[in-house]
């Protein structure tokens, strides 16, 4: 590219913008690769008999702070009891 194509245009630095775009593109590629890796791990777990829905739920739950998770569980139990779904 010529210097004109990457110079400041309308107050925008072409090189800086190109740098951001390239970084984003690289991260998008990495994200896609990680997504494929996750699919493979879930498929492997399913292949040996684990329920992947439950594994996904556990992964989600582990991201929540213990106290917040406990509060949510208590509220869920209360609501279930209120509509007659007691365990």
C-alpha atoms as a PDB file:
ATOM      1  CA  UNK A   1       0.000   0.000   0.000  1.00  0.00           C
ATOM      2  CA  UNK A   2       1.138   3.470  -0.680  1.00  0.00           C
ATOM      3  CA  UNK A   3       1.735   5.951   2.078  1.00  0.00           C
ATOM      4  CA  UNK A   4      -1.385   7.834   0.947  1.00  0.00           C
ATOM      5  CA  UNK A   5      -3.627   4.851   1.789  1.00  0.00           C
ATOM      6  CA  UNK A   6      -2.388   4.592   5.370  1.00  0.00           C
ATOM      7  CA  UNK A   7      -1.935   8.245   6.203  1.00  0.00           C
ATOM      8  CA  UNK A   8      -4.207  10.445   8.249  1.00  0.00           C
ATOM      9  CA  UNK A   9      -7.487  10.938   6.429  1.00  0.00           C
ATOM     10  CA  UNK A  10     -10.175  13.056   7.959  1.00  0.00           C
ATOM     11  CA  UNK A  11      -8.344  12.907  11.284  1.00  0.00           C
ATOM     12  CA  UNK A  12      -8.129   9.103  11.181  1.00  0.00           C
ATOM     13  CA  UNK A  13      -4.748   7.395  11.361  1.00  0.00           C
ATOM     14  CA  UNK A  14      -4.829   4.653   8.740  1.00  0.00           C
ATOM     15  CA  UNK A  15      -2.021   2.654  10.369  1.00  0.00           C
ATOM     16  CA  UNK A  16      -3.633   2.763  13.788  1.00  0.00           C
ATOM     17  CA  UNK A  17      -6.996   1.735  12.344  1.00  0.00           C
ATOM     18  CA  UNK A  18      -5.357  -1.090  10.374  1.00  0.00           C
ATOM     19  CA  UNK A  19      -3.660  -2.263  13.581  1.00  0.00           C
ATOM     20  CA  UNK A  20      -6.989  -2.436  15.437  1.00  0.00           C
ATOM     21  CA  UNK A  21      -8.632  -4.288  12.568  1.00  0.00           C
ATOM     22  CA  UNK A  22      -5.807  -6.817  12.330  1.00  0.00           C
ATOM     23  CA  UNK A  23      -5.901  -7.443  16.081  1.00  0.00           C
ATOM     24  CA  UNK A  24      -9.666  -7.965  15.950  1.00  0.00           C
ATOM     25  CA  UNK A  25      -9.328 -10.339  13.000  1.00  0.00           C
ATOM     26  CA  UNK A  26      -6.701 -12.370  14.854  1.00  0.00           C
ATOM     27  CA  UNK A  27      -8.889 -12.564  17.966  1.00  0.00           C
ATOM     28  CA  UNK A  28     -11.873 -13.650  15.841  1.00  0.00           C
ATOM     29  CA  UNK A  29      -9.733 -16.457  14.398  1.00  0.00           C
ATOM     30  CA  UNK A  30      -8.637 -17.463  17.898  1.00  0.00           C
ATOM     31  CA  UNK A  31     -12.249 -17.405  19.087  1.00  0.00           C
ATOM     32  CA  UNK A  32     -13.298 -19.694  16.237  1.00  0.00           C
ATOM     33  CA  UNK A  33     -10.467 -22.099  17.061  1.00  0.00           C
ATOM     34  CA  UNK A  34     -11.437 -22.156  20.736  1.00  0.00           C
ATOM     35  CA  UNK A  35     -15.055 -22.796  19.723  1.00  0.00           C
ATOM     36  CA  UNK A  36     -13.948 -25.819  17.711  1.00  0.00           C
ATOM     37  CA  UNK A  37     -11.857 -27.054  20.641  1.00  0.00           C
ATOM     38  CA  UNK A  38     -14.869 -26.735  22.952  1.00  0.00           C
ATOM     39  CA  UNK A  39     -17.034 -28.730  20.528  1.00  0.00           C
ATOM     40  CA  UNK A  40     -14.423 -31.471  20.494  1.00  0.00           C
ATOM     41  CA  UNK A  41     -14.220 -31.638  24.289  1.00  0.00           C
ATOM     42  CA  UNK A  42     -18.018 -31.774  24.639  1.00  0.00           C
ATOM     43  CA  UNK A  43     -18.167 -34.484  21.938  1.00  0.00           C
ATOM     44  CA  UNK A  44     -15.488 -36.462  23.770  1.00  0.00           C
ATOM     45  CA  UNK A  45     -17.372 -36.160  27.056  1.00  0.00           C
ATOM     46  CA  UNK A  46     -20.593 -37.257  25.343  1.00  0.00           C
ATOM     47  CA  UNK A  47     -18.732 -40.152  23.749  1.00  0.00           C
ATOM     48  CA  UNK A  48     -17.829 -41.581  27.140  1.00  0.00           C
ATOM     49  CA  UNK A  49     -21.376 -41.211  28.461  1.00  0.00           C
ATOM     50  CA  UNK A  50     -21.578 -37.794  30.116  1.00  0.00           C
ATOM     51  CA  UNK A  51     -24.644 -35.602  29.615  1.00  0.00           C
ATOM     52  CA  UNK A  52     -23.308 -32.468  27.919  1.00  0.00           C
ATOM     53  CA  UNK A  53     -26.366 -30.391  28.860  1.00  0.00           C
ATOM     54  CA  UNK A  54     -25.553 -30.986  32.507  1.00  0.00           C
ATOM     55  CA  UNK A  55     -21.854 -30.279  31.947  1.00  0.00           C
ATOM     56  CA  UNK A  56     -22.757 -26.948  30.298  1.00  0.00           C
ATOM     57  CA  UNK A  57     -25.005 -26.107  33.243  1.00  0.00           C
ATOM     58  CA  UNK A  58     -22.227 -26.897  35.715  1.00  0.00           C
ATOM     59  CA  UNK A  59     -19.761 -24.743  33.749  1.00  0.00           C
ATOM     60  CA  UNK A  60     -22.266 -21.860  33.897  1.00  0.00           C
ATOM     61  CA  UNK A  61     -22.843 -22.368  37.625  1.00  0.00           C
ATOM     62  CA  UNK A  62     -19.120 -22.425  38.394  1.00  0.00           C
ATOM     63  CA  UNK A  63     -18.815 -18.929  36.916  1.00  0.00           C
ATOM     64  CA  UNK A  64     -21.254 -17.558  39.501  1.00  0.00           C
ATOM     65  CA  UNK A  65     -19.997 -16.512  42.924  1.00  0.00           C
ATOM     66  CA  UNK A  66     -20.880 -19.010  45.658  1.00  0.00           C
ATOM     67  CA  UNK A  67     -23.076 -16.602  47.611  1.00  0.00           C
ATOM     68  CA  UNK A  68     -24.992 -15.488  44.511  1.00  0.00           C
ATOM     69  CA  UNK A  69     -25.460 -19.117  43.455  1.00  0.00           C
ATOM     70  CA  UNK A  70     -26.731 -20.028  46.932  1.00  0.00           C
ATOM     71  CA  UNK A  71     -29.159 -17.097  46.856  1.00  0.00           C
ATOM     72  CA  UNK A  72     -30.431 -18.152  43.420  1.00  0.00           C
ATOM     73  CA  UNK A  73     -30.861 -21.778  44.552  1.00  0.00           C
ATOM     74  CA  UNK A  74     -32.832 -20.679  47.616  1.00  0.00           C
ATOM     75  CA  UNK A  75     -35.078 -18.460  45.529  1.00  0.00           C
ATOM     76  CA  UNK A  76     -35.616 -21.257  43.000  1.00  0.00           C
ATOM     77  CA  UNK A  77     -36.575 -23.643  45.830  1.00  0.00           C
ATOM     78  CA  UNK A  78     -38.985 -21.049  47.242  1.00  0.00           C
ATOM     79  CA  UNK A  79     -40.666 -20.530  43.869  1.00  0.00           C
ATOM     80  CA  UNK A  80     -40.909 -24.284  43.249  1.00  0.00           C
ATOM     81  CA  UNK A  81     -42.493 -24.787  46.650  1.00  0.00           C
ATOM     82  CA  UNK A  82     -44.946 -21.964  45.967  1.00  0.00           C
ATOM     83  CA  UNK A  83     -46.278 -23.750  42.887  1.00  0.00           C
ATOM     84  CA  UNK A  84     -46.211 -27.238  44.376  1.00  0.00           C
ATOM     85  CA  UNK A  85     -43.024 -28.515  42.773  1.00  0.00           C
ATOM     86  CA  UNK A  86     -41.322 -29.477  46.023  1.00  0.00           C
ATOM     87  CA  UNK A  87     -38.637 -32.152  45.693  1.00  0.00           C
END
